[in-house]
Amino acid sequence: MSSLTQHRYLPSFHHHGCTKSTSVHRIRVYCSTKTTTTMKSKPNADQLIVEPRFAPLPTAANYPTESDTSLQSTWSHRAWVAVGCTTLLISLGESIKGSMDMNIWVEPILAGWVGYILADLGSGVYHWAIDNYGDGSTPFVGAQIEAFQGHHKWPWTITKRQFANNLHALARVVTFVVLPIDLLFHDPILQGFVAVCAGCIMFSQQFHAWAHGTKSRLPPLVVALQDSGVLVSRSQHGAHHRPPYNNNYCIVSGVWNEFLDKNQAFEAMEMILYFKLGVRPRSWSEPASEWLEDIQIASQTQSQ
């Protein structure tokens, strides 16, 4: 497939001075399937078809603005974030109290560290899945899939999204998962793991937003945590928004990104899903117009 790479991605359109919409010639390369009346259809990786496609340049007609209500927090959003934070604090408190009662500290701290590491891996797997599979009609996560597709076109809008608006969906999940654990289990090691892991997952979208921020506008502490690798860095996540759009998926610390990309872990899972289920990931066909970032609009918005 490496021989096809040079044909799959086009130079950025935004370096030209054009301001009106034009059509560009794109080439889509994909694997076809063969079917027979006696055997189950299976993908044929050897047969390739080149399909020319015309697509218009993205326009600024309906791009999100800072005053867009979809970027603003509602009282429902704030309530879910408050409840999610409360469940996390209960879990953390249980861990600290249990550690004091049992006079153990090393094990809960190690459990929290493991939770932090696994949260980054989980964020990457989930990010990869919703970037490449499903659509707006997918049950439970359809809205998030649509949001992530819009994020690829206008990645800078995440910096305009209000705090509770950005976190409420994950806060809801954390509440339903962590609250029963808080009520049923009181082991300080388990609670240490849960508090840190669930906390990193819940706040991963905020870490994600900071990774799109400019250094001059971020709090110095956030910049220091990014530069030290505690939080995913701006440069590392920026690579995810450049062709081929199929790497650097982890958005907590990014510690897993190099390992997963170097060993082509996501590519392997994509091949398994394709040959077993015949489902193609979006990254095999992109960039399409809905994935191309509106750089001109982004630069104008960020300068405001």
C-alpha atoms as a PDB file:
ATOM      1  CA  MET A   1       0.000   0.000   0.000  1.00  0.00           C
ATOM      2  CA  SER A   2       2.972   2.345   0.437  1.00  0.00           C
ATOM      3  CA  SER A   3       3.188   2.750  -3.333  1.00  0.00           C
ATOM      4  CA  LEU A   4      -0.290   4.280  -3.301  1.00  0.00           C
ATOM      5  CA  THR A   5       0.404   6.841  -0.612  1.00  0.00           C
ATOM      6  CA  GLN A   6       1.562   9.547  -2.991  1.00  0.00           C
ATOM      7  CA  HIS A   7      -1.803   9.432  -4.814  1.00  0.00           C
ATOM      8  CA  ARG A   8      -4.084   9.418  -1.772  1.00  0.00           C
ATOM      9  CA  TYR A   9      -3.329  12.835  -0.351  1.00  0.00           C
ATOM     10  CA  LEU A  10      -3.365  16.172  -2.072  1.00  0.00           C
ATOM     11  CA  PRO A  11      -1.447  19.358  -1.283  1.00  0.00           C
ATOM     12  CA  SER A  12      -3.326  21.833   0.902  1.00  0.00           C
ATOM     13  CA  PHE A  13      -5.636  24.133  -1.048  1.00  0.00           C
ATOM     14  CA  HIS A  14      -5.307  26.923   1.464  1.00  0.00           C
ATOM     15  CA  HIS A  15      -1.860  28.133   0.420  1.00  0.00           C
ATOM     16  CA  HIS A  16      -3.358  29.666  -2.747  1.00  0.00           C
ATOM     17  CA  GLY A  17      -4.907  33.070  -2.827  1.00  0.00           C
ATOM     18  CA  CYS A  18      -8.297  31.962  -4.131  1.00  0.00           C
ATOM     19  CA  THR A  19     -11.323  33.150  -2.245  1.00  0.00           C
ATOM     20  CA  LYS A  20     -14.071  31.685  -4.397  1.00  0.00           C
ATOM     21  CA  SER A  21     -15.158  28.076  -4.446  1.00  0.00           C
ATOM     22  CA  THR A  22     -13.595  25.921  -7.158  1.00  0.00           C
ATOM     23  CA  SER A  23     -13.686  22.237  -8.019  1.00  0.00           C
ATOM     24  CA  VAL A  24     -10.687  20.044  -7.722  1.00  0.00           C
ATOM     25  CA  HIS A  25      -9.948  16.669  -9.190  1.00  0.00           C
ATOM     26  CA  ARG A  26      -9.521  13.979  -6.537  1.00  0.00           C
ATOM     27  CA  ILE A  27      -8.600  10.339  -6.925  1.00  0.00           C
ATOM     28  CA  ARG A  28     -10.081   7.719  -4.616  1.00  0.00           C
ATOM     29  CA  VAL A  29      -8.311   4.356  -4.436  1.00  0.00           C
ATOM     30  CA  TYR A  30     -10.152   1.503  -2.775  1.00  0.00           C
ATOM     31  CA  CYS A  31     -10.297  -2.261  -2.578  1.00  0.00           C
ATOM     32  CA  SER A  32     -13.248  -3.913  -4.293  1.00  0.00           C
ATOM     33  CA  THR A  33     -15.033  -7.115  -3.384  1.00  0.00           C
ATOM     34  CA  LYS A  34     -16.008 -10.158  -5.418  1.00  0.00           C
ATOM     35  CA  THR A  35     -19.178 -12.103  -4.867  1.00  0.00           C
ATOM     36  CA  THR A  36     -20.281 -15.511  -6.069  1.00  0.00           C
ATOM     37  CA  THR A  37     -23.464 -17.492  -5.637  1.00  0.00           C
ATOM     38  CA  THR A  38     -21.748 -20.317  -3.785  1.00  0.00           C
ATOM     39  CA  MET A  39     -19.282 -18.630  -1.486  1.00  0.00           C
ATOM     40  CA  LYS A  40     -19.527 -15.888   1.103  1.00  0.00           C
ATOM     41  CA  SER A  41     -18.313 -12.543  -0.206  1.00  0.00           C
ATOM     42  CA  LYS A  42     -14.742 -11.781   0.820  1.00  0.00           C
ATOM     43  CA  PRO A  43     -12.643  -8.707   0.114  1.00  0.00           C
ATOM     44  CA  ASN A  44     -10.054  -9.091  -2.614  1.00  0.00           C
ATOM     45  CA  ALA A  45      -7.032  -7.094  -1.549  1.00  0.00           C
ATOM     46  CA  ASP A  46      -5.300  -7.610  -4.914  1.00  0.00           C
ATOM     47  CA  GLN A  47      -7.874  -5.817  -7.045  1.00  0.00           C
ATOM     48  CA  LEU A  48      -7.770  -2.039  -6.892  1.00  0.00           C
ATOM     49  CA  ILE A  49     -10.060   0.396  -8.610  1.00  0.00           C
ATOM     50  CA  VAL A  50      -9.206   4.041  -9.167  1.00  0.00           C
ATOM     51  CA  GLU A  51     -12.262   6.270  -9.063  1.00  0.00           C
ATOM     52  CA  PRO A  52     -11.985   9.958 -10.037  1.00  0.00           C
ATOM     53  CA  ARG A  53     -14.087  12.252  -7.888  1.00  0.00           C
ATOM     54  CA  PHE A  54     -14.907  15.944  -8.090  1.00  0.00           C
ATOM     55  CA  ALA A  55     -15.457  17.733  -4.812  1.00  0.00           C
ATOM     56  CA  PRO A  56     -15.900  21.423  -4.059  1.00  0.00           C
ATOM     57  CA  LEU A  57     -13.557  23.265  -1.791  1.00  0.00           C
ATOM     58  CA  PRO A  58     -14.867  23.751   1.754  1.00  0.00           C
ATOM     59  CA  THR A  59     -16.522  27.126   2.264  1.00  0.00           C
ATOM     60  CA  ALA A  60     -17.152  29.300   5.292  1.00  0.00           C
ATOM     61  CA  ALA A  61     -20.894  29.360   4.760  1.00  0.00           C
ATOM     62  CA  ASN A  62     -21.859  27.596   7.956  1.00  0.00           C
ATOM     63  CA  TYR A  63     -18.704  27.403  10.022  1.00  0.00           C
ATOM     64  CA  PRO A  64     -19.192  27.655  13.810  1.00  0.00           C
ATOM     65  CA  THR A  65     -18.671  31.016  15.484  1.00  0.00           C
ATOM     66  CA  GLU A  66     -17.946  31.839  19.108  1.00  0.00           C
ATOM     67  CA  SER A  67     -21.558  32.913  19.609  1.00  0.00           C
ATOM     68  CA  ASP A  68     -22.861  29.603  18.264  1.00  0.00           C
ATOM     69  CA  THR A  69     -25.151  28.046  20.880  1.00  0.00           C
ATOM     70  CA  SER A  70     -23.669  24.623  20.122  1.00  0.00           C
ATOM     71  CA  LEU A  71     -20.420  25.823  21.727  1.00  0.00           C
ATOM     72  CA  GLN A  72     -22.029  27.266  24.841  1.00  0.00           C
ATOM     73  CA  SER A  73     -22.726  25.521  28.141  1.00  0.00           C
ATOM     74  CA  THR A  74     -26.252  24.954  29.407  1.00  0.00           C
ATOM     75  CA  TRP A  75     -27.359  24.401  32.996  1.00  0.00           C
ATOM     76  CA  SER A  76     -27.790  20.724  32.152  1.00  0.00           C
ATOM     77  CA  HIS A  77     -24.163  20.563  31.017  1.00  0.00           C
ATOM     78  CA  ARG A  78     -22.983  22.265  34.192  1.00  0.00           C
ATOM     79  CA  ALA A  79     -25.057  19.942  36.362  1.00  0.00           C
ATOM     80  CA  TRP A  80     -23.588  16.821  34.778  1.00  0.00           C
ATOM     81  CA  VAL A  81     -20.037  18.138  35.164  1.00  0.00           C
ATOM     82  CA  ALA A  82     -20.717  18.965  38.813  1.00  0.00           C
ATOM     83  CA  VAL A  83     -22.120  15.498  39.468  1.00  0.00           C
ATOM     84  CA  GLY A  84     -19.212  13.860  37.621  1.00  0.00           C
ATOM     85  CA  CYS A  85     -16.661  15.821  39.649  1.00  0.00           C
ATOM     86  CA  THR A  86     -18.501  14.876  42.850  1.00  0.00           C
ATOM     87  CA  THR A  87     -18.290  11.167  42.079  1.00  0.00           C
ATOM     88  CA  LEU A  88     -14.569  11.542  41.368  1.00  0.00           C
ATOM     89  CA  LEU A  89     -13.985  13.363  44.636  1.00  0.00           C
ATOM     90  CA  ILE A  90     -15.873  10.660  46.530  1.00  0.00           C
ATOM     91  CA  SER A  91     -13.674   8.002  44.919  1.00  0.00           C
ATOM     92  CA  LEU A  92     -10.510   9.951  45.700  1.00  0.00           C
ATOM     93  CA  GLY A  93     -11.675  10.524  49.262  1.00  0.00           C
ATOM     94  CA  GLU A  94     -12.387   6.826  49.721  1.00  0.00           C
ATOM     95  CA  SER A  95      -8.863   6.037  48.522  1.00  0.00           C
ATOM     96  CA  ILE A  96      -7.221   8.558  50.870  1.00  0.00           C
ATOM     97  CA  LYS A  97      -9.341   7.509  53.860  1.00  0.00           C
ATOM     98  CA  GLY A  98      -8.682   3.808  53.255  1.00  0.00           C
ATOM     99  CA  SER A  99      -4.953   4.452  52.839  1.00  0.00           C
ATOM    100  CA  MET A 100      -4.835   6.284  56.166  1.00  0.00           C
ATOM    101  CA  ASP A 101      -6.823   3.587  57.966  1.00  0.00           C
ATOM    102  CA  MET A 102      -4.704   0.759  56.543  1.00  0.00           C
ATOM    103  CA  ASN A 103      -1.465   2.747  56.586  1.00  0.00           C
ATOM    104  CA  ILE A 104      -0.683   1.965  52.954  1.00  0.00           C
ATOM    105  CA  TRP A 105       0.329   4.585  50.394  1.00  0.00           C
ATOM    106  CA  VAL A 106       2.524   3.002  47.751  1.00  0.00           C
ATOM    107  CA  GLU A 107      -0.147   0.672  46.361  1.00  0.00           C
ATOM    108  CA  PRO A 108      -2.874   3.331  45.894  1.00  0.00           C
ATOM    109  CA  ILE A 109      -0.370   5.693  44.276  1.00  0.00           C
ATOM    110  CA  LEU A 110       0.808   2.956  41.884  1.00  0.00           C
ATOM    111  CA  ALA A 111      -2.827   2.131  41.123  1.00  0.00           C
ATOM    112  CA  GLY A 112      -3.460   5.775  40.277  1.00  0.00           C
ATOM    113  CA  TRP A 113      -0.413   5.820  37.995  1.00  0.00           C
ATOM    114  CA  VAL A 114      -1.686   2.722  36.178  1.00  0.00           C
ATOM    115  CA  GLY A 115      -5.077   4.425  35.814  1.00  0.00           C
ATOM    116  CA  TYR A 116      -3.395   7.474  34.276  1.00  0.00           C
ATOM    117  CA  ILE A 117      -1.482   5.326  31.754  1.00  0.00           C
ATOM    118  CA  LEU A 118      -4.526   3.252  30.783  1.00  0.00           C
ATOM    119  CA  ALA A 119      -6.718   6.351  30.448  1.00  0.00           C
ATOM    120  CA  ASP A 120      -4.410   7.594  27.693  1.00  0.00           C
ATOM    121  CA  LEU A 121      -4.649   4.247  25.900  1.00  0.00           C
ATOM    122  CA  GLY A 122      -8.429   4.219  26.259  1.00  0.00           C
ATOM    123  CA  SER A 123      -8.709   7.746  24.879  1.00  0.00           C
ATOM    124  CA  GLY A 124      -6.704   6.696  21.827  1.00  0.00           C
ATOM    125  CA  VAL A 125      -8.754   3.586  21.079  1.00  0.00           C
ATOM    126  CA  TYR A 126     -12.037   5.477  21.459  1.00  0.00           C
ATOM    127  CA  HIS A 127     -10.786   8.405  19.375  1.00  0.00           C
ATOM    128  CA  TRP A 128      -9.647   6.041  16.622  1.00  0.00           C
ATOM    129  CA  ALA A 129     -12.990   4.223  16.619  1.00  0.00           C
ATOM    130  CA  ILE A 130     -15.235   7.289  16.304  1.00  0.00           C
ATOM    131  CA  ASP A 131     -12.888   8.944  13.802  1.00  0.00           C
ATOM    132  CA  ASN A 132     -13.097   5.963  11.464  1.00  0.00           C
ATOM    133  CA  TYR A 133     -16.400   4.153  11.976  1.00  0.00           C
ATOM    134  CA  GLY A 134     -20.075   4.985  12.290  1.00  0.00           C
ATOM    135  CA  ASP A 135     -21.993   8.170  11.562  1.00  0.00           C
ATOM    136  CA  GLY A 136     -24.604  10.432  13.070  1.00  0.00           C
ATOM    137  CA  SER A 137     -27.173   7.632  13.164  1.00  0.00           C
ATOM    138  CA  THR A 138     -24.957   5.297  15.231  1.00  0.00           C
ATOM    139  CA  PRO A 139     -26.728   4.494  18.523  1.00  0.00           C
ATOM    140  CA  PHE A 140     -25.422   6.202  21.687  1.00  0.00           C
ATOM    141  CA  VAL A 141     -22.319   7.775  20.099  1.00  0.00           C
ATOM    142  CA  GLY A 142     -23.734   9.229  16.868  1.00  0.00           C
ATOM    143  CA  ALA A 143     -23.605  12.805  18.166  1.00  0.00           C
ATOM    144  CA  GLN A 144     -19.976  12.382  19.225  1.00  0.00           C
ATOM    145  CA  ILE A 145     -19.053  10.924  15.831  1.00  0.00           C
ATOM    146  CA  GLU A 146     -20.589  13.940  14.088  1.00  0.00           C
ATOM    147  CA  ALA A 147     -18.838  16.279  16.497  1.00  0.00           C
ATOM    148  CA  PHE A 148     -15.447  14.697  15.820  1.00  0.00           C
ATOM    149  CA  GLN A 149     -16.000  14.941  12.048  1.00  0.00           C
ATOM    150  CA  GLY A 150     -16.774  18.623  12.449  1.00  0.00           C
ATOM    151  CA  HIS A 151     -13.705  18.934  14.658  1.00  0.00           C
ATOM    152  CA  HIS A 152     -11.471  17.715  11.839  1.00  0.00           C
ATOM    153  CA  LYS A 153     -12.772  20.456   9.558  1.00  0.00           C
ATOM    154  CA  TRP A 154     -12.741  23.200  12.207  1.00  0.00           C
ATOM    155  CA  PRO A 155     -10.340  21.950  14.920  1.00  0.00           C
ATOM    156  CA  TRP A 156      -9.872  25.433  16.380  1.00  0.00           C
ATOM    157  CA  THR A 157     -13.526  25.583  17.494  1.00  0.00           C
ATOM    158  CA  ILE A 158     -12.729  23.306  20.440  1.00  0.00           C
ATOM    159  CA  THR A 159     -10.825  26.238  21.965  1.00  0.00           C
ATOM    160  CA  LYS A 160     -14.041  28.286  21.769  1.00  0.00           C
ATOM    161  CA  ARG A 161     -16.197  25.573  23.315  1.00  0.00           C
ATOM    162  CA  GLN A 162     -17.162  26.373  26.884  1.00  0.00           C
ATOM    163  CA  PHE A 163     -15.865  24.161  29.672  1.00  0.00           C
ATOM    164  CA  ALA A 164     -19.063  22.305  30.673  1.00  0.00           C
ATOM    165  CA  ASN A 165     -20.166  22.021  27.045  1.00  0.00           C
ATOM    166  CA  ASN A 166     -16.910  20.261  26.273  1.00  0.00           C
ATOM    167  CA  LEU A 167     -16.993  17.865  29.232  1.00  0.00           C
ATOM    168  CA  HIS A 168     -20.653  17.068  29.947  1.00  0.00           C
ATOM    169  CA  ALA A 169     -20.933  13.942  27.772  1.00  0.00           C
ATOM    170  CA  LEU A 170     -17.954  12.263  29.436  1.00  0.00           C
ATOM    171  CA  ALA A 171     -19.089  13.500  32.847  1.00  0.00           C
ATOM    172  CA  ARG A 172     -22.379  11.672  32.356  1.00  0.00           C
ATOM    173  CA  VAL A 173     -20.592   8.415  31.519  1.00  0.00           C
ATOM    174  CA  VAL A 174     -18.237   8.807  34.478  1.00  0.00           C
ATOM    175  CA  THR A 175     -21.174   9.374  36.820  1.00  0.00           C
ATOM    176  CA  PHE A 176     -22.982   6.202  35.789  1.00  0.00           C
ATOM    177  CA  VAL A 177     -19.804   4.103  35.963  1.00  0.00           C
ATOM    178  CA  VAL A 178     -18.056   5.506  39.031  1.00  0.00           C
ATOM    179  CA  LEU A 179     -21.006   6.144  41.346  1.00  0.00           C
ATOM    180  CA  PRO A 180     -21.892   2.426  41.745  1.00  0.00           C
ATOM    181  CA  ILE A 181     -18.210   1.696  42.453  1.00  0.00           C
ATOM    182  CA  ASP A 182     -18.209   4.406  45.119  1.00  0.00           C
ATOM    183  CA  LEU A 183     -21.238   2.831  46.785  1.00  0.00           C
ATOM    184  CA  LEU A 184     -20.183  -0.822  46.581  1.00  0.00           C
ATOM    185  CA  PHE A 185     -16.400  -0.854  47.023  1.00  0.00           C
ATOM    186  CA  HIS A 186     -14.165   0.790  49.594  1.00  0.00           C
ATOM    187  CA  ASP A 187     -10.766  -0.657  48.745  1.00  0.00           C
ATOM    188  CA  PRO A 188      -8.245   2.232  48.638  1.00  0.00           C
ATOM    189  CA  ILE A 189      -6.238   0.642  45.819  1.00  0.00           C
ATOM    190  CA  LEU A 190      -9.278   0.165  43.593  1.00  0.00           C
ATOM    191  CA  GLN A 191     -10.578   3.622  44.412  1.00  0.00           C
ATOM    192  CA  GLY A 192      -7.164   5.144  43.652  1.00  0.00           C
ATOM    193  CA  PHE A 193      -7.200   3.530  40.234  1.00  0.00           C
ATOM    194  CA  VAL A 194     -10.804   4.544  39.527  1.00  0.00           C
ATOM    195  CA  ALA A 195     -10.376   8.158  40.656  1.00  0.00           C
ATOM    196  CA  VAL A 196      -7.347   8.850  38.459  1.00  0.00           C
ATOM    197  CA  CYS A 197      -8.413   6.801  35.433  1.00  0.00           C
ATOM    198  CA  ALA A 198     -11.986   8.143  35.340  1.00  0.00           C
ATOM    199  CA  GLY A 199     -10.753  11.663  36.088  1.00  0.00           C
ATOM    200  CA  CYS A 200      -8.308  11.615  33.174  1.00  0.00           C
ATOM    201  CA  ILE A 201     -11.000  10.262  30.868  1.00  0.00           C
ATOM    202  CA  MET A 202     -13.529  12.876  31.957  1.00  0.00           C
ATOM    203  CA  PHE A 203     -11.063  15.755  31.542  1.00  0.00           C
ATOM    204  CA  SER A 204      -9.464  14.354  28.368  1.00  0.00           C
ATOM    205  CA  GLN A 205     -11.545  16.707  26.229  1.00  0.00           C
ATOM    206  CA  GLN A 206     -10.127  19.654  28.151  1.00  0.00           C
ATOM    207  CA  PHE A 207      -6.602  18.315  27.628  1.00  0.00           C
ATOM    208  CA  HIS A 208      -7.588  17.977  23.968  1.00  0.00           C
ATOM    209  CA  ALA A 209      -8.742  21.607  23.854  1.00  0.00           C
ATOM    210  CA  TRP A 210      -5.477  22.799  25.410  1.00  0.00           C
ATOM    211  CA  ALA A 211      -3.567  20.831  22.740  1.00  0.00           C
ATOM    212  CA  HIS A 212      -5.237  23.103  20.168  1.00  0.00           C
ATOM    213  CA  GLY A 213      -4.454  26.287  22.078  1.00  0.00           C
ATOM    214  CA  THR A 214      -1.661  28.710  21.320  1.00  0.00           C
ATOM    215  CA  LYS A 215       1.194  28.768  23.805  1.00  0.00           C
ATOM    216  CA  SER A 216       0.796  32.472  24.539  1.00  0.00           C
ATOM    217  CA  ARG A 217      -2.851  32.025  25.545  1.00  0.00           C
ATOM    218  CA  LEU A 218      -2.494  28.908  27.689  1.00  0.00           C
ATOM    219  CA  PRO A 219      -1.877  29.054  31.447  1.00  0.00           C
ATOM    220  CA  PRO A 220       1.855  28.640  32.200  1.00  0.00           C
ATOM    221  CA  LEU A 221       1.136  25.529  34.288  1.00  0.00           C
ATOM    222  CA  VAL A 222      -0.635  23.871  31.345  1.00  0.00           C
ATOM    223  CA  VAL A 223       2.274  24.704  29.028  1.00  0.00           C
ATOM    224  CA  ALA A 224       4.710  23.233  31.556  1.00  0.00           C
ATOM    225  CA  LEU A 225       2.661  20.028  31.848  1.00  0.00           C
ATOM    226  CA  GLN A 226       2.501  19.726  28.055  1.00  0.00           C
ATOM    227  CA  ASP A 227       6.214  20.327  27.623  1.00  0.00           C
ATOM    228  CA  SER A 228       7.029  17.738  30.306  1.00  0.00           C
ATOM    229  CA  GLY A 229       4.762  15.114  28.705  1.00  0.00           C
ATOM    230  CA  VAL A 230       2.231  14.954  31.537  1.00  0.00           C
ATOM    231  CA  LEU A 231      -0.437  16.262  29.152  1.00  0.00           C
ATOM    232  CA  VAL A 232      -0.568  15.690  25.401  1.00  0.00           C
ATOM    233  CA  SER A 233       1.523  18.346  23.687  1.00  0.00           C
ATOM    234  CA  ARG A 234       0.386  20.770  21.025  1.00  0.00           C
ATOM    235  CA  SER A 235       2.937  19.528  18.480  1.00  0.00           C
ATOM    236  CA  GLN A 236       2.108  15.870  19.045  1.00  0.00           C
ATOM    237  CA  HIS A 237      -1.629  16.307  18.649  1.00  0.00           C
ATOM    238  CA  GLY A 238      -1.108  18.705  15.755  1.00  0.00           C
ATOM    239  CA  ALA A 239       0.329  15.764  13.797  1.00  0.00           C
ATOM    240  CA  HIS A 240      -3.067  14.056  14.082  1.00  0.00           C
ATOM    241  CA  HIS A 241      -4.621  16.879  12.050  1.00  0.00           C
ATOM    242  CA  ARG A 242      -2.168  16.507   9.168  1.00  0.00           C
ATOM    243  CA  PRO A 243      -2.174  13.820   6.464  1.00  0.00           C
ATOM    244  CA  PRO A 244      -2.529  10.887   6.663  1.00  0.00           C
ATOM    245  CA  TYR A 245      -4.864  11.617   9.644  1.00  0.00           C
ATOM    246  CA  ASN A 246      -4.344   8.149  11.110  1.00  0.00           C
ATOM    247  CA  ASN A 247      -1.910   8.627  13.993  1.00  0.00           C
ATOM    248  CA  ASN A 248      -1.482  10.296  17.396  1.00  0.00           C
ATOM    249  CA  TYR A 249      -4.999   9.409  18.545  1.00  0.00           C
ATOM    250  CA  CYS A 250      -4.283   9.446  22.316  1.00  0.00           C
ATOM    251  CA  ILE A 251      -5.267  12.735  23.975  1.00  0.00           C
ATOM    252  CA  VAL A 252      -4.537  12.412  27.713  1.00  0.00           C
ATOM    253  CA  SER A 253      -0.742  12.377  27.875  1.00  0.00           C
ATOM    254  CA  GLY A 254       0.050  10.986  24.423  1.00  0.00           C
ATOM    255  CA  VAL A 255       2.466   8.507  26.014  1.00  0.00           C
ATOM    256  CA  TRP A 256       1.014   5.659  23.931  1.00  0.00           C
ATOM    257  CA  ASN A 257       1.099   7.443  20.577  1.00  0.00           C
ATOM    258  CA  GLU A 258       4.646   6.567  19.532  1.00  0.00           C
ATOM    259  CA  PHE A 259       4.266   2.903  20.474  1.00  0.00           C
ATOM    260  CA  LEU A 260       0.884   2.478  18.765  1.00  0.00           C
ATOM    261  CA  ASP A 261       1.943   4.309  15.606  1.00  0.00           C
ATOM    262  CA  LYS A 262       5.348   2.657  15.324  1.00  0.00           C
ATOM    263  CA  ASN A 263       3.808  -0.807  15.628  1.00  0.00           C
ATOM    264  CA  GLN A 264       0.854   0.097  13.375  1.00  0.00           C
ATOM    265  CA  ALA A 265      -1.598  -1.160  15.989  1.00  0.00           C
ATOM    266  CA  PHE A 266      -4.576   0.739  14.589  1.00  0.00           C
ATOM    267  CA  GLU A 267      -3.739  -0.255  11.010  1.00  0.00           C
ATOM    268  CA  ALA A 268      -3.720  -3.899  12.116  1.00  0.00           C
ATOM    269  CA  MET A 269      -7.148  -3.532  13.748  1.00  0.00           C
ATOM    270  CA  GLU A 270      -8.465  -1.825  10.615  1.00  0.00           C
ATOM    271  CA  MET A 271      -7.290  -4.723   8.443  1.00  0.00           C
ATOM    272  CA  ILE A 272      -8.871  -7.258  10.782  1.00  0.00           C
ATOM    273  CA  LEU A 273     -12.210  -5.436  10.723  1.00  0.00           C
ATOM    274  CA  TYR A 274     -12.048  -5.064   6.952  1.00  0.00           C
ATOM    275  CA  PHE A 275     -11.286  -8.702   6.142  1.00  0.00           C
ATOM    276  CA  LYS A 276     -13.657 -10.050   8.785  1.00  0.00           C
ATOM    277  CA  LEU A 277     -16.574  -7.636   8.369  1.00  0.00           C
ATOM    278  CA  GLY A 278     -15.838  -5.800   5.112  1.00  0.00           C
ATOM    279  CA  VAL A 279     -15.949  -2.424   6.897  1.00  0.00           C
ATOM    280  CA  ARG A 280     -13.566   0.242   5.643  1.00  0.00           C
ATOM    281  CA  PRO A 281     -12.225   2.953   7.985  1.00  0.00           C
ATOM    282  CA  ARG A 282     -12.580   6.565   6.908  1.00  0.00           C
ATOM    283  CA  SER A 283      -8.805   7.067   7.060  1.00  0.00           C
ATOM    284  CA  TRP A 284      -8.406   4.844   3.966  1.00  0.00           C
ATOM    285  CA  SER A 285     -10.410   7.251   1.835  1.00  0.00           C
ATOM    286  CA  GLU A 286      -9.597  10.611   3.362  1.00  0.00           C
ATOM    287  CA  PRO A 287      -8.903  13.408   3.012  1.00  0.00           C
ATOM    288  CA  ALA A 288     -12.334  14.271   1.692  1.00  0.00           C
ATOM    289  CA  SER A 289     -13.778  17.768   1.795  1.00  0.00           C
ATOM    290  CA  GLU A 290     -15.363  17.241   5.200  1.00  0.00           C
ATOM    291  CA  TRP A 291     -11.928  16.450   6.703  1.00  0.00           C
ATOM    292  CA  LEU A 292      -9.941  19.309   5.170  1.00  0.00           C
ATOM    293  CA  GLU A 293      -9.339  22.027   7.727  1.00  0.00           C
ATOM    294  CA  ASP A 294     -10.507  25.514   6.835  1.00  0.00           C
ATOM    295  CA  ILE A 295      -7.119  27.045   7.560  1.00  0.00           C
ATOM    296  CA  GLN A 296      -8.005  30.512   6.323  1.00  0.00           C
ATOM    297  CA  ILE A 297     -11.027  30.722   8.593  1.00  0.00           C
ATOM    298  CA  ALA A 298      -9.038  29.268  11.490  1.00  0.00           C
ATOM    299  CA  SER A 299      -6.297  31.883  11.204  1.00  0.00           C
ATOM    300  CA  GLN A 300      -8.855  34.677  11.116  1.00  0.00           C
ATOM    301  CA  THR A 301     -10.706  33.340  14.148  1.00  0.00           C
ATOM    302  CA  GLN A 302      -7.597  32.679  16.259  1.00  0.00           C
ATOM    303  CA  SER A 303      -6.327  36.190  15.576  1.00  0.00           C
ATOM    304  CA  GLN A 304      -9.462  37.711  17.123  1.00  0.00           C
END
